[in-house]
C-alpha atoms as a PDB file:
ATOM      1  CA  MET A   1     -36.092 -11.822 -15.735  1.00  0.00           C
ATOM      2  CA  PHE A   2     -33.906  -9.896 -18.143  1.00  0.00           C
ATOM      3  CA  THR A   3     -35.384  -9.060 -21.517  1.00  0.00           C
ATOM      4  CA  ASP A   4     -33.229  -9.482 -24.602  1.00  0.00           C
ATOM      5  CA  ASP A   5     -32.818  -5.711 -24.913  1.00  0.00           C
ATOM      6  CA  ARG A   6     -31.861  -5.383 -21.260  1.00  0.00           C
ATOM      7  CA  LEU A   7     -29.361  -8.208 -21.503  1.00  0.00           C
ATOM      8  CA  GLN A   8     -27.826  -6.739 -24.645  1.00  0.00           C
ATOM      9  CA  ARG A   9     -27.521  -3.359 -22.937  1.00  0.00           C
ATOM     10  CA  ILE A  10     -25.679  -4.938 -19.995  1.00  0.00           C
ATOM     11  CA  VAL A  11     -23.332  -6.789 -22.331  1.00  0.00           C
ATOM     12  CA  ASP A  12     -22.597  -3.585 -24.251  1.00  0.00           C
ATOM     13  CA  ILE A  13     -21.871  -1.698 -21.030  1.00  0.00           C
ATOM     14  CA  VAL A  14     -19.496  -4.406 -19.803  1.00  0.00           C
ATOM     15  CA  VAL A  15     -17.673  -4.574 -23.136  1.00  0.00           C
ATOM     16  CA  ASN A  16     -17.420  -0.789 -23.508  1.00  0.00           C
ATOM     17  CA  SER A  17     -16.401  -0.109 -19.911  1.00  0.00           C
ATOM     18  CA  PHE A  18     -13.885  -2.886 -19.298  1.00  0.00           C
ATOM     19  CA  LEU A  19     -10.985  -1.435 -21.292  1.00  0.00           C
ATOM     20  CA  PRO A  20     -11.353   2.166 -20.008  1.00  0.00           C
ATOM     21  CA  MET A  21     -11.437   0.889 -16.431  1.00  0.00           C
ATOM     22  CA  LEU A  22      -8.515  -1.471 -17.016  1.00  0.00           C
ATOM     23  CA  LYS A  23      -6.560   1.383 -18.619  1.00  0.00           C
ATOM     24  CA  ALA A  24      -7.258   3.604 -15.593  1.00  0.00           C
ATOM     25  CA  GLY A  25      -6.057   0.773 -13.376  1.00  0.00           C
ATOM     26  CA  ILE A  26      -2.806   0.451 -15.297  1.00  0.00           C
ATOM     27  CA  VAL A  27      -2.200   4.191 -15.739  1.00  0.00           C
ATOM     28  CA  PHE A  28      -3.267   5.428 -12.296  1.00  0.00           C
ATOM     29  CA  THR A  29      -3.975   2.611  -9.818  1.00  0.00           C
ATOM     30  CA  VAL A  30      -0.769   0.628 -10.385  1.00  0.00           C
ATOM     31  CA  PRO A  31       1.634   3.636 -10.354  1.00  0.00           C
ATOM     32  CA  LEU A  32      -0.181   5.100  -7.344  1.00  0.00           C
ATOM     33  CA  THR A  33       0.245   1.803  -5.515  1.00  0.00           C
ATOM     34  CA  LEU A  34       3.915   1.375  -6.444  1.00  0.00           C
ATOM     35  CA  ILE A  35       4.961   4.940  -5.598  1.00  0.00           C
ATOM     36  CA  SER A  36       3.036   5.031  -2.318  1.00  0.00           C
ATOM     37  CA  PHE A  37       4.297   1.629  -1.220  1.00  0.00           C
ATOM     38  CA  PHE A  38       7.938   2.408  -2.051  1.00  0.00           C
ATOM     39  CA  LEU A  39       7.862   5.738  -0.211  1.00  0.00           C
ATOM     40  CA  GLY A  40       5.882   4.138   2.595  1.00  0.00           C
ATOM     41  CA  LEU A  41       8.525   1.434   3.045  1.00  0.00           C
ATOM     42  CA  ILE A  42      11.235   4.072   3.401  1.00  0.00           C
ATOM     43  CA  LEU A  43       9.121   5.875   5.991  1.00  0.00           C
ATOM     44  CA  ALA A  44       8.346   2.566   7.713  1.00  0.00           C
ATOM     45  CA  LEU A  45      12.031   1.656   7.959  1.00  0.00           C
ATOM     46  CA  LEU A  46      12.945   5.052   9.400  1.00  0.00           C
ATOM     47  CA  THR A  47      10.082   4.817  11.879  1.00  0.00           C
ATOM     48  CA  ALA A  48      11.045   1.294  12.924  1.00  0.00           C
ATOM     49  CA  LEU A  49      14.674   2.340  13.432  1.00  0.00           C
ATOM     50  CA  ALA A  50      13.510   5.294  15.510  1.00  0.00           C
ATOM     51  CA  ARG A  51      11.430   2.940  17.652  1.00  0.00           C
ATOM     52  CA  ILE A  52      14.389   0.643  18.394  1.00  0.00           C
ATOM     53  CA  SER A  53      17.027   3.371  18.591  1.00  0.00           C
ATOM     54  CA  GLY A  54      16.783   3.817  22.340  1.00  0.00           C
ATOM     55  CA  ILE A  55      16.681   7.589  21.820  1.00  0.00           C
ATOM     56  CA  LYS A  56      13.603   8.691  23.736  1.00  0.00           C
ATOM     57  CA  PRO A  57      12.632  11.774  21.657  1.00  0.00           C
ATOM     58  CA  LEU A  58      12.837   9.767  18.408  1.00  0.00           C
ATOM     59  CA  ASP A  59      10.938   6.894  19.955  1.00  0.00           C
ATOM     60  CA  ALA A  60       8.233   9.249  21.234  1.00  0.00           C
ATOM     61  CA  VAL A  61       7.765  10.929  17.844  1.00  0.00           C
ATOM     62  CA  ALA A  62       7.615   7.557  16.072  1.00  0.00           C
ATOM     63  CA  ARG A  63       5.137   6.162  18.594  1.00  0.00           C
ATOM     64  CA  PHE A  64       2.917   9.235  18.245  1.00  0.00           C
ATOM     65  CA  TYR A  65       2.952   9.016  14.447  1.00  0.00           C
ATOM     66  CA  VAL A  66       2.041   5.324  14.452  1.00  0.00           C
ATOM     67  CA  TRP A  67      -0.640   5.878  17.102  1.00  0.00           C
ATOM     68  CA  VAL A  68      -2.338   8.690  15.159  1.00  0.00           C
ATOM     69  CA  ILE A  69      -2.251   7.055  11.736  1.00  0.00           C
ATOM     70  CA  ARG A  70      -3.289   3.575  12.905  1.00  0.00           C
ATOM     71  CA  GLY A  71      -6.011   5.065  15.084  1.00  0.00           C
ATOM     72  CA  THR A  72      -7.759   7.108  12.382  1.00  0.00           C
ATOM     73  CA  PRO A  73      -9.459   5.969   9.140  1.00  0.00           C
ATOM     74  CA  LEU A  74      -7.489   6.311   5.926  1.00  0.00           C
ATOM     75  CA  LEU A  75     -10.471   8.009   4.306  1.00  0.00           C
ATOM     76  CA  VAL A  76     -10.429  10.723   6.979  1.00  0.00           C
ATOM     77  CA  GLN A  77      -6.690  11.218   6.477  1.00  0.00           C
ATOM     78  CA  LEU A  78      -7.200  11.699   2.739  1.00  0.00           C
ATOM     79  CA  PHE A  79      -9.987  14.207   3.371  1.00  0.00           C
ATOM     80  CA  ILE A  80      -7.808  16.179   5.795  1.00  0.00           C
ATOM     81  CA  ILE A  81      -4.970  16.369   3.256  1.00  0.00           C
ATOM     82  CA  PHE A  82      -7.072  17.232   0.201  1.00  0.00           C
ATOM     83  CA  TYR A  83     -10.096  19.079   1.582  1.00  0.00           C
ATOM     84  CA  GLY A  84      -8.841  20.270   4.966  1.00  0.00           C
ATOM     85  CA  LEU A  85      -5.400  21.729   4.266  1.00  0.00           C
ATOM     86  CA  PRO A  86      -6.677  24.345   1.753  1.00  0.00           C
ATOM     87  CA  SER A  87      -8.462  26.030   4.668  1.00  0.00           C
ATOM     88  CA  VAL A  88      -5.038  26.905   6.094  1.00  0.00           C
ATOM     89  CA  GLY A  89      -3.580  27.905   2.753  1.00  0.00           C
ATOM     90  CA  VAL A  90      -2.061  24.568   1.705  1.00  0.00           C
ATOM     91  CA  THR A  91      -3.483  23.264  -1.557  1.00  0.00           C
ATOM     92  CA  ILE A  92      -2.268  19.948  -2.942  1.00  0.00           C
ATOM     93  CA  ASP A  93      -3.403  18.368  -6.198  1.00  0.00           C
ATOM     94  CA  PRO A  94      -5.467  15.159  -5.996  1.00  0.00           C
ATOM     95  CA  LEU A  95      -2.800  12.668  -7.096  1.00  0.00           C
ATOM     96  CA  THR A  96      -0.149  14.115  -4.785  1.00  0.00           C
ATOM     97  CA  SER A  97      -2.649  14.139  -1.931  1.00  0.00           C
ATOM     98  CA  ALA A  98      -3.383  10.472  -2.535  1.00  0.00           C
ATOM     99  CA  ILE A  99       0.313   9.595  -2.618  1.00  0.00           C
ATOM    100  CA  ILE A 100       0.921  11.459   0.643  1.00  0.00           C
ATOM    101  CA  GLY A 101      -2.080   9.839   2.322  1.00  0.00           C
ATOM    102  CA  PHE A 102      -1.238   6.306   1.259  1.00  0.00           C
ATOM    103  CA  THR A 103       2.453   6.783   2.027  1.00  0.00           C
ATOM    104  CA  ILE A 104       1.903   7.832   5.626  1.00  0.00           C
ATOM    105  CA  SER A 105      -0.578   4.990   6.093  1.00  0.00           C
ATOM    106  CA  VAL A 106       1.797   2.389   4.662  1.00  0.00           C
ATOM    107  CA  GLY A 107       4.623   3.847   6.737  1.00  0.00           C
ATOM    108  CA  ALA A 108       2.726   3.570  10.005  1.00  0.00           C
ATOM    109  CA  TYR A 109       1.417   0.031   9.535  1.00  0.00           C
ATOM    110  CA  ASN A 110       4.541  -1.453   8.001  1.00  0.00           C
ATOM    111  CA  SER A 111       6.851   0.153  10.547  1.00  0.00           C
ATOM    112  CA  GLU A 112       5.475  -2.325  13.060  1.00  0.00           C
ATOM    113  CA  VAL A 113       6.114  -5.197  10.640  1.00  0.00           C
ATOM    114  CA  ILE A 114       9.709  -4.108  10.076  1.00  0.00           C
ATOM    115  CA  ARG A 115      10.311  -3.404  13.759  1.00  0.00           C
ATOM    116  CA  ALA A 116       9.057  -6.862  14.707  1.00  0.00           C
ATOM    117  CA  ALA A 117      11.198  -8.454  11.992  1.00  0.00           C
ATOM    118  CA  ILE A 118      14.338  -6.678  13.222  1.00  0.00           C
ATOM    119  CA  LEU A 119      13.633  -7.587  16.839  1.00  0.00           C
ATOM    120  CA  SER A 120      13.116 -11.219  15.832  1.00  0.00           C
ATOM    121  CA  ILE A 121      16.779 -11.508  14.822  1.00  0.00           C
ATOM    122  CA  PRO A 122      18.797 -12.979  17.745  1.00  0.00           C
ATOM    123  CA  LYS A 123      21.016 -10.515  19.609  1.00  0.00           C
ATOM    124  CA  GLY A 124      23.914 -12.826  18.901  1.00  0.00           C
ATOM    125  CA  GLN A 125      23.800 -11.642  15.286  1.00  0.00           C
ATOM    126  CA  TRP A 126      24.462  -8.081  16.439  1.00  0.00           C
ATOM    127  CA  GLU A 127      27.241  -9.251  18.725  1.00  0.00           C
ATOM    128  CA  ALA A 128      28.821 -11.239  15.904  1.00  0.00           C
ATOM    129  CA  GLY A 129      28.958  -8.105  13.796  1.00  0.00           C
ATOM    130  CA  TYR A 130      30.444  -6.027  16.599  1.00  0.00           C
ATOM    131  CA  SER A 131      33.034  -8.739  17.285  1.00  0.00           C
ATOM    132  CA  ILE A 132      34.549  -8.303  13.823  1.00  0.00           C
ATOM    133  CA  GLY A 133      34.662  -4.539  14.101  1.00  0.00           C
ATOM    134  CA  MET A 134      31.386  -3.544  12.470  1.00  0.00           C
ATOM    135  CA  SER A 135      29.620  -0.388  13.536  1.00  0.00           C
ATOM    136  CA  TYR A 136      25.895  -0.346  14.376  1.00  0.00           C
ATOM    137  CA  ALA A 137      25.037   0.839  10.866  1.00  0.00           C
ATOM    138  CA  GLN A 138      27.233  -1.785   9.211  1.00  0.00           C
ATOM    139  CA  ALA A 139      25.810  -4.618  11.294  1.00  0.00           C
ATOM    140  CA  LEU A 140      22.301  -3.406  10.572  1.00  0.00           C
ATOM    141  CA  LYS A 141      22.906  -3.155   6.823  1.00  0.00           C
ATOM    142  CA  ARG A 142      24.977  -6.290   6.267  1.00  0.00           C
ATOM    143  CA  ILE A 143      23.635  -8.732   8.846  1.00  0.00           C
ATOM    144  CA  ILE A 144      20.318  -7.729  10.394  1.00  0.00           C
ATOM    145  CA  LEU A 145      18.301  -6.206   7.539  1.00  0.00           C
ATOM    146  CA  PRO A 146      18.909  -9.070   5.054  1.00  0.00           C
ATOM    147  CA  GLN A 147      17.592 -11.550   7.615  1.00  0.00           C
ATOM    148  CA  ALA A 148      14.731  -9.264   8.657  1.00  0.00           C
ATOM    149  CA  THR A 149      13.747  -8.884   5.010  1.00  0.00           C
ATOM    150  CA  ARG A 150      13.086 -12.597   4.677  1.00  0.00           C
ATOM    151  CA  VAL A 151      10.938 -12.522   7.813  1.00  0.00           C
ATOM    152  CA  SER A 152       8.933  -9.503   6.677  1.00  0.00           C
ATOM    153  CA  VAL A 153       8.244 -10.529   3.058  1.00  0.00           C
ATOM    154  CA  PRO A 154       4.862 -12.249   3.702  1.00  0.00           C
ATOM    155  CA  PRO A 155       3.263  -9.457   5.779  1.00  0.00           C
ATOM    156  CA  LEU A 156       4.691  -6.737   3.537  1.00  0.00           C
ATOM    157  CA  SER A 157       3.349  -8.530   0.477  1.00  0.00           C
ATOM    158  CA  ASN A 158      -0.076  -8.705   2.088  1.00  0.00           C
ATOM    159  CA  SER A 159       0.147  -4.992   2.820  1.00  0.00           C
ATOM    160  CA  PHE A 160       0.970  -4.282  -0.824  1.00  0.00           C
ATOM    161  CA  ILE A 161      -2.022  -6.278  -2.055  1.00  0.00           C
ATOM    162  CA  SER A 162      -4.263  -4.461   0.434  1.00  0.00           C
ATOM    163  CA  LEU A 163      -2.941  -1.121  -0.823  1.00  0.00           C
ATOM    164  CA  VAL A 164      -3.993  -2.001  -4.378  1.00  0.00           C
ATOM    165  CA  LYS A 165      -7.579  -2.267  -3.141  1.00  0.00           C
ATOM    166  CA  ASP A 166      -7.300   0.750  -0.821  1.00  0.00           C
ATOM    167  CA  THR A 167      -6.380   2.989  -3.766  1.00  0.00           C
ATOM    168  CA  SER A 168     -10.078   2.970  -4.631  1.00  0.00           C
ATOM    169  CA  LEU A 169     -10.424   5.526  -1.830  1.00  0.00           C
ATOM    170  CA  ALA A 170      -8.530   7.982  -4.028  1.00  0.00           C
ATOM    171  CA  ALA A 171     -11.739   8.309  -6.037  1.00  0.00           C
ATOM    172  CA  THR A 172     -13.192  10.290  -3.116  1.00  0.00           C
ATOM    173  CA  ILE A 173     -10.637  13.048  -3.712  1.00  0.00           C
ATOM    174  CA  THR A 174     -11.197  13.058  -7.496  1.00  0.00           C
ATOM    175  CA  VAL A 175      -8.163  11.018  -8.570  1.00  0.00           C
ATOM    176  CA  THR A 176      -9.128   9.424 -11.887  1.00  0.00           C
ATOM    177  CA  GLU A 177      -8.120   5.906 -10.914  1.00  0.00           C
ATOM    178  CA  MET A 178     -10.081   2.805 -11.795  1.00  0.00           C
ATOM    179  CA  PHE A 179     -12.936   3.152  -9.326  1.00  0.00           C
ATOM    180  CA  ARG A 180     -13.358   6.828 -10.218  1.00  0.00           C
ATOM    181  CA  VAL A 181     -13.761   5.833 -13.866  1.00  0.00           C
ATOM    182  CA  ALA A 182     -16.386   3.292 -12.802  1.00  0.00           C
ATOM    183  CA  GLN A 183     -18.262   6.067 -10.986  1.00  0.00           C
ATOM    184  CA  GLN A 184     -18.071   8.348 -14.011  1.00  0.00           C
ATOM    185  CA  ILE A 185     -19.431   5.676 -16.351  1.00  0.00           C
ATOM    186  CA  THR A 186     -22.155   4.843 -13.833  1.00  0.00           C
ATOM    187  CA  ALA A 187     -23.255   8.483 -13.869  1.00  0.00           C
ATOM    188  CA  THR A 188     -24.026   8.216 -17.588  1.00  0.00           C
ATOM    189  CA  THR A 189     -25.320   4.642 -17.831  1.00  0.00           C
ATOM    190  CA  TYR A 190     -27.194   4.341 -14.516  1.00  0.00           C
ATOM    191  CA  GLU A 191     -25.994   0.760 -14.098  1.00  0.00           C
ATOM    192  CA  PRO A 192     -24.062   0.821 -10.802  1.00  0.00           C
ATOM    193  CA  LEU A 193     -24.381  -2.916 -10.095  1.00  0.00           C
ATOM    194  CA  VAL A 194     -22.923  -3.924 -13.451  1.00  0.00           C
ATOM    195  CA  LEU A 195     -20.073  -1.408 -13.436  1.00  0.00           C
ATOM    196  CA  TYR A 196     -19.049  -1.930  -9.833  1.00  0.00           C
ATOM    197  CA  CYS A 197     -18.987  -5.676 -10.484  1.00  0.00           C
ATOM    198  CA  VAL A 198     -16.679  -5.042 -13.454  1.00  0.00           C
ATOM    199  CA  ALA A 199     -14.447  -2.946 -11.187  1.00  0.00           C
ATOM    200  CA  ALA A 200     -14.444  -5.741  -8.610  1.00  0.00           C
ATOM    201  CA  VAL A 201     -13.387  -8.256 -11.271  1.00  0.00           C
ATOM    202  CA  ILE A 202     -10.459  -6.057 -12.343  1.00  0.00           C
ATOM    203  CA  TYR A 203      -9.336  -5.555  -8.744  1.00  0.00           C
ATOM    204  CA  LEU A 204      -9.596  -9.317  -8.309  1.00  0.00           C
ATOM    205  CA  MET A 205      -7.397  -9.817 -11.372  1.00  0.00           C
ATOM    206  CA  PHE A 206      -4.735  -7.505  -9.987  1.00  0.00           C
ATOM    207  CA  SER A 207      -4.872  -9.133  -6.564  1.00  0.00           C
ATOM    208  CA  THR A 208      -4.652 -12.630  -8.025  1.00  0.00           C
ATOM    209  CA  VAL A 209      -1.548 -11.779 -10.049  1.00  0.00           C
ATOM    210  CA  LEU A 210       0.078 -10.171  -7.003  1.00  0.00           C
ATOM    211  CA  SER A 211      -0.842 -13.102  -4.769  1.00  0.00           C
ATOM    212  CA  GLU A 212       0.803 -15.490  -7.213  1.00  0.00           C
ATOM    213  CA  ALA A 213       3.901 -13.273  -7.311  1.00  0.00           C
ATOM    214  CA  GLN A 214       3.925 -13.241  -3.499  1.00  0.00           C
ATOM    215  CA  GLY A 215       3.784 -17.036  -3.394  1.00  0.00           C
ATOM    216  CA  ARG A 216       6.696 -17.357  -5.785  1.00  0.00           C
ATOM    217  CA  MET A 217       8.731 -14.831  -3.830  1.00  0.00           C
ATOM    218  CA  GLU A 218       8.124 -16.684  -0.570  1.00  0.00           C
ATOM    219  CA  ARG A 219       9.105 -19.995  -2.160  1.00  0.00           C
ATOM    220  CA  ARG A 220      12.342 -18.477  -3.419  1.00  0.00           C
ATOM    221  CA  PHE A 221      13.177 -17.173   0.052  1.00  0.00           C
ATOM    222  CA  ASP A 222      12.333 -20.564   1.541  1.00  0.00           C
ATOM    223  CA  ARG A 223      14.727 -22.318  -0.840  1.00  0.00           C
ATOM    224  CA  TYR A 224      17.414 -19.793   0.004  1.00  0.00           C
ATOM    225  CA  VAL A 225      16.969 -20.299   3.742  1.00  0.00           C
ATOM    226  CA  THR A 226      16.970 -24.101   3.619  1.00  0.00           C
ATOM    227  CA  SER A 227      19.904 -24.415   1.225  1.00  0.00           C
END
């Protein structure tokens, strides 16, 4: 049973820690997620195009990249970038290391999503573009990618929501994002259960908002397709 003093202490910790953790989420977690996901999508698109290009060296490099990144833990990748590279003379600051790590992870996983979306478009769409004089790049940009985008929205949205939660791993390389702030407050209050539950609630808030945005986006695409 909690005594009145114990209960009051827990309430005070929750009240005093919520805003600093939420601020860290807005200032660090959200920008880290947005930047990494945007750069990761660019890398994913380039990787997917390399996979379907028919050019064997490009395909081999893309396959190797996807194989390595998908086959190793993200935490290990972050440690290699931040803690490992200095041993060979390459030192990268924590935030940049996190962006690089999350970007290459997003790129590898989402390249398969984009590749599958592109391949799902009937070949007749390519042929239609060629028949009116479009080049490969023009057909890809004007016909294939718009259709592939609609197909890939749900899995890419899920990937984005997962990345929001995965950014907590940046705390292991000293990035002062939300979970790192929770760890710092825990070190002074000795209340890990309370503070980590507060962090979980804030992550849940972010994920809920993003899930609702995903649902609305999918409904808009559905209306566009059926109209």
